[in-house]
């Protein structure tokens, strides 16, 4: 049972929730897993696309007393080595993107596996290295060939970012992001992939169409992965 990222978790104060317009669903991720009859101790692997707090803050859960402890106690956590290194010594520009104090807990209490590029996590589940957004980001591909499911992470955070020039100002290397998007979108169009958007409030996932020489969002897809 594999998770791709795990959100912010229950980490934000009331003021932070207002600043980031963060509205956690009742029960959060653990509650959503419970609807599938999956407990957090049953998760075998967590693939961290990258280590910005909005993608991995939920790796730790805050108790009523304010203590932090691992949410998925039996999981192997898969991270790109470049991403791990960068998160420990980020630039002043993006240091605020990490819950830096978390990593000591991770090292002491979690099973961390560092990868050095594209990797096979489990049969049918693989990662592809992308570096434009931040060093060592990895997207996740489930299945192969036609109709594969691709978690785009922050390479393509929303369906609006399918347009090639639409790149977040926050990306470390926007021209690298542009090239990575060209490669991904060409293959996704050719092989009819389903792209999953982690930051889109309205479009969970879609396939692509080509119109007037441009690649655009096509059919929206309801992703319903059962255990």
Protein backbone atom coordinates (compact mmCIF):
# COMPACT_ATOMS: atom_id res chain seq x y z
CA UNK A 1 0.00 0.00 0.00
CA UNK A 2 1.80 3.04 -1.34
CA UNK A 3 1.15 6.74 -0.73
CA UNK A 4 2.37 9.47 -3.04
CA UNK A 5 2.99 12.48 -0.78
CA UNK A 6 0.89 13.11 2.32
CA UNK A 7 0.01 16.80 2.44
CA UNK A 8 0.55 19.28 5.26
CA UNK A 9 -1.09 17.17 7.94
CA UNK A 10 -2.34 18.74 11.17
CA UNK A 11 0.66 20.98 11.59
CA UNK A 12 -0.63 24.48 10.94
CA UNK A 13 -1.68 26.95 13.59
CA UNK A 14 -4.88 28.93 13.05
CA UNK A 15 -2.89 31.91 11.75
CA UNK A 16 -0.95 29.71 9.30
CA UNK A 17 -4.17 28.19 8.03
CA UNK A 18 -5.45 31.67 7.26
CA UNK A 19 -2.21 32.73 5.57
CA UNK A 20 -2.11 29.68 3.31
CA UNK A 21 -5.90 29.33 2.95
CA UNK A 22 -5.55 25.76 4.16
CA UNK A 23 -8.80 23.99 4.99
CA UNK A 24 -8.20 20.44 6.11
CA UNK A 25 -10.96 17.94 5.41
CA UNK A 26 -12.45 16.29 8.51
CA UNK A 27 -10.15 13.50 9.62
CA UNK A 28 -7.43 14.52 7.16
CA UNK A 29 -5.48 11.89 5.27
CA UNK A 30 -5.76 9.27 8.00
CA UNK A 31 -9.53 9.70 7.96
CA UNK A 32 -9.60 9.32 4.17
CA UNK A 33 -7.57 6.11 4.42
CA UNK A 34 -9.98 4.81 7.06
CA UNK A 35 -12.81 5.07 4.52
CA UNK A 36 -10.83 2.52 2.48
CA UNK A 37 -10.36 0.36 5.59
CA UNK A 38 -6.65 1.18 5.65
CA UNK A 39 -4.89 2.15 8.87
CA UNK A 40 -1.73 4.28 8.85
CA UNK A 41 0.27 1.30 10.12
CA UNK A 42 -0.68 -0.63 6.97
CA UNK A 43 1.07 1.80 4.61
CA UNK A 44 4.17 0.03 3.33
CA UNK A 45 5.73 2.86 1.32
CA UNK A 46 5.51 6.64 1.02
CA UNK A 47 6.98 8.25 -2.10
CA UNK A 48 7.92 11.85 -1.36
CA UNK A 49 7.82 13.78 -4.63
CA UNK A 50 9.95 16.39 -2.83
CA UNK A 51 10.30 17.70 0.69
CA UNK A 52 8.39 21.00 0.66
CA UNK A 53 6.14 21.06 3.71
CA UNK A 54 2.89 21.07 1.71
CA UNK A 55 3.83 17.63 0.34
CA UNK A 56 5.33 15.87 3.36
CA UNK A 57 4.25 17.73 6.51
CA UNK A 58 1.79 14.89 7.12
CA UNK A 59 4.64 12.42 7.62
CA UNK A 60 4.50 13.50 11.27
CA UNK A 61 1.41 13.95 13.43
CA UNK A 62 1.15 16.54 16.19
CA UNK A 63 -0.30 15.33 19.48
CA UNK A 64 -2.49 17.45 21.74
CA UNK A 65 0.65 18.22 23.75
CA UNK A 66 2.42 19.44 20.62
CA UNK A 67 4.78 16.46 20.26
CA UNK A 68 5.54 15.10 16.79
CA UNK A 69 5.61 11.41 15.91
CA UNK A 70 5.60 9.42 12.65
CA UNK A 71 2.17 8.96 11.07
CA UNK A 72 3.12 5.88 9.01
CA UNK A 73 5.24 3.86 11.38
CA UNK A 74 5.81 0.84 9.12
CA UNK A 75 6.49 2.66 5.86
CA UNK A 76 9.66 2.92 3.84
CA UNK A 77 10.01 6.54 2.70
CA UNK A 78 11.42 7.00 -0.81
CA UNK A 79 13.29 10.26 -1.48
CA UNK A 80 15.75 11.39 -4.10
CA UNK A 81 19.20 11.87 -2.58
CA UNK A 82 19.61 15.31 -4.20
CA UNK A 83 16.32 16.39 -2.64
CA UNK A 84 17.33 15.12 0.80
CA UNK A 85 20.65 16.96 0.62
CA UNK A 86 19.05 20.19 -0.56
CA UNK A 87 16.42 20.14 2.18
CA UNK A 88 19.18 19.97 4.79
CA UNK A 89 21.07 22.94 3.33
CA UNK A 90 18.54 25.02 1.37
CA UNK A 91 19.10 28.52 0.10
CA UNK A 92 17.82 31.53 2.02
CA UNK A 93 15.28 31.93 -0.78
CA UNK A 94 13.48 28.63 -0.14
CA UNK A 95 14.44 27.68 3.41
CA UNK A 96 10.89 28.49 4.54
CA UNK A 97 9.55 25.70 2.34
CA UNK A 98 10.81 23.00 4.70
CA UNK A 99 9.86 21.92 8.19
CA UNK A 100 13.56 21.61 8.93
CA UNK A 101 13.08 20.23 12.42
CA UNK A 102 11.24 17.21 11.02
CA UNK A 103 14.28 15.61 9.48
CA UNK A 104 15.95 14.66 12.75
CA UNK A 105 12.81 12.75 13.69
CA UNK A 106 12.70 11.14 10.26
CA UNK A 107 16.30 9.95 10.54
CA UNK A 108 15.77 8.48 14.00
CA UNK A 109 12.34 6.93 13.57
CA UNK A 110 11.67 6.26 9.89
CA UNK A 111 13.04 3.86 7.29
CA UNK A 112 14.40 6.25 4.66
CA UNK A 113 15.58 5.01 1.28
CA UNK A 114 17.50 7.48 -0.87
CA UNK A 115 17.44 7.10 -4.65
CA UNK A 116 19.87 8.44 -7.22
CA UNK A 117 17.62 8.93 -10.24
CA UNK A 118 14.72 7.12 -11.92
CA UNK A 119 13.74 4.17 -9.75
CA UNK A 120 11.41 1.18 -9.60
CA UNK A 121 9.59 1.34 -6.25
CA UNK A 122 7.36 -1.71 -6.72
CA UNK A 123 6.07 -3.70 -9.70
CA UNK A 124 4.24 -1.18 -11.87
CA UNK A 125 5.25 1.85 -9.76
CA UNK A 126 8.25 3.90 -10.81
CA UNK A 127 9.63 7.39 -10.33
CA UNK A 128 11.14 9.82 -12.83
CA UNK A 129 13.57 12.50 -11.73
CA UNK A 130 12.70 16.14 -12.51
CA UNK A 131 14.81 19.04 -11.26
CA UNK A 132 13.26 22.28 -12.54
CA UNK A 133 10.99 22.93 -9.56
CA UNK A 134 13.50 21.96 -6.89
CA UNK A 135 16.56 19.67 -6.82
CA UNK A 136 15.59 16.02 -6.71
CA UNK A 137 11.87 16.22 -7.35
CA UNK A 138 10.40 12.93 -8.59
CA UNK A 139 7.13 12.31 -10.36
CA UNK A 140 5.42 8.94 -9.98
CA UNK A 141 4.20 6.74 -12.83
CA UNK A 142 1.76 3.90 -12.09
CA UNK A 143 1.48 1.35 -14.89
CA UNK A 144 3.22 1.40 -18.26
CA UNK A 145 2.31 2.33 -21.79
CA UNK A 146 -1.24 3.38 -22.59
CA UNK A 147 -3.43 4.63 -19.74
CA UNK A 148 -0.62 4.95 -17.17
CA UNK A 149 -1.40 7.15 -14.18
CA UNK A 150 1.10 9.95 -13.53
CA UNK A 151 1.37 12.02 -10.34
CA UNK A 152 2.86 15.26 -11.67
CA UNK A 153 3.78 16.80 -8.29
CA UNK A 154 4.93 20.41 -8.83
CA UNK A 155 6.17 19.87 -12.36
CA UNK A 156 2.54 20.42 -13.41
CA UNK A 157 0.75 21.41 -10.20
CA UNK A 158 -2.63 22.25 -11.77
CA UNK A 159 -4.39 21.59 -15.06
CA UNK A 160 -3.77 25.25 -15.99
CA UNK A 161 -0.02 24.55 -15.90
CA UNK A 162 -0.31 22.14 -18.83
CA UNK A 163 0.27 25.18 -21.05
CA UNK A 164 4.02 25.14 -21.68
CA UNK A 165 4.74 28.81 -20.76
CA UNK A 166 2.78 28.52 -17.51
CA UNK A 167 5.52 27.84 -14.96
CA UNK A 168 5.54 28.76 -11.29
CA UNK A 169 7.74 31.74 -10.39
CA UNK A 170 8.88 29.62 -7.47
CA UNK A 171 10.69 27.06 -9.66
CA UNK A 172 14.46 26.96 -9.24
CA UNK A 173 15.17 26.46 -12.93
CA UNK A 174 12.15 27.47 -15.05
CA UNK A 175 13.82 26.63 -18.37
CA UNK A 176 14.56 23.13 -17.07
CA UNK A 177 10.92 22.86 -16.01
CA UNK A 178 9.90 23.88 -19.52
CA UNK A 179 11.97 21.12 -21.11
CA UNK A 180 10.76 18.53 -18.59
CA UNK A 181 7.16 19.48 -19.32
CA UNK A 182 7.73 19.15 -23.08
CA UNK A 183 9.02 15.59 -22.63
CA UNK A 184 6.30 14.53 -20.22
CA UNK A 185 3.42 16.05 -22.18
CA UNK A 186 4.57 14.54 -25.48
CA UNK A 187 4.67 11.06 -23.98
CA UNK A 188 1.42 11.59 -22.05
CA UNK A 189 -0.37 12.63 -25.25
CA UNK A 190 1.06 9.76 -27.29
CA UNK A 191 0.31 7.10 -24.70
CA UNK A 192 -3.00 8.49 -23.37
CA UNK A 193 -1.74 8.94 -19.81
CA UNK A 194 -3.90 10.19 -16.98
CA UNK A 195 -2.22 13.18 -15.28
CA UNK A 196 -2.97 13.76 -11.58
CA UNK A 197 -2.68 17.32 -10.22
CA UNK A 198 -1.83 17.72 -6.54
CA UNK A 199 -2.65 21.43 -6.32
CA UNK A 200 -5.73 21.82 -8.51
CA UNK A 201 -8.89 22.56 -6.47
CA UNK A 202 -11.19 21.67 -9.36
CA UNK A 203 -9.52 19.09 -11.61
CA UNK A 204 -8.21 15.96 -9.92
CA UNK A 205 -6.94 14.34 -13.10
CA UNK A 206 -7.33 14.49 -16.86
CA UNK A 207 -6.10 13.15 -20.16
CA UNK A 208 -4.74 15.41 -22.90
CA UNK A 209 -5.85 16.55 -26.32
CA UNK A 210 -4.00 18.35 -29.10
CA UNK A 211 -5.78 21.33 -30.66
CA UNK A 212 -4.34 23.91 -32.99
CA UNK A 213 -0.84 22.61 -32.38
CA UNK A 214 -1.17 23.01 -28.60
CA UNK A 215 -1.48 20.36 -25.90
CA UNK A 216 -4.48 21.11 -23.69
CA UNK A 217 -6.45 19.49 -20.86
CA UNK A 218 -8.92 17.02 -22.25
CA UNK A 219 -11.25 14.54 -20.61
CA UNK A 220 -11.39 14.85 -16.85
CA UNK A 221 -10.95 11.53 -15.08
CA UNK A 222 -12.32 10.37 -11.75
CA UNK A 223 -9.47 8.55 -10.04
CA UNK A 224 -10.89 5.91 -7.70
CA UNK A 225 -8.15 3.59 -6.50
CA UNK A 226 -9.55 0.80 -4.34
CA UNK A 227 -7.40 -1.22 -1.92
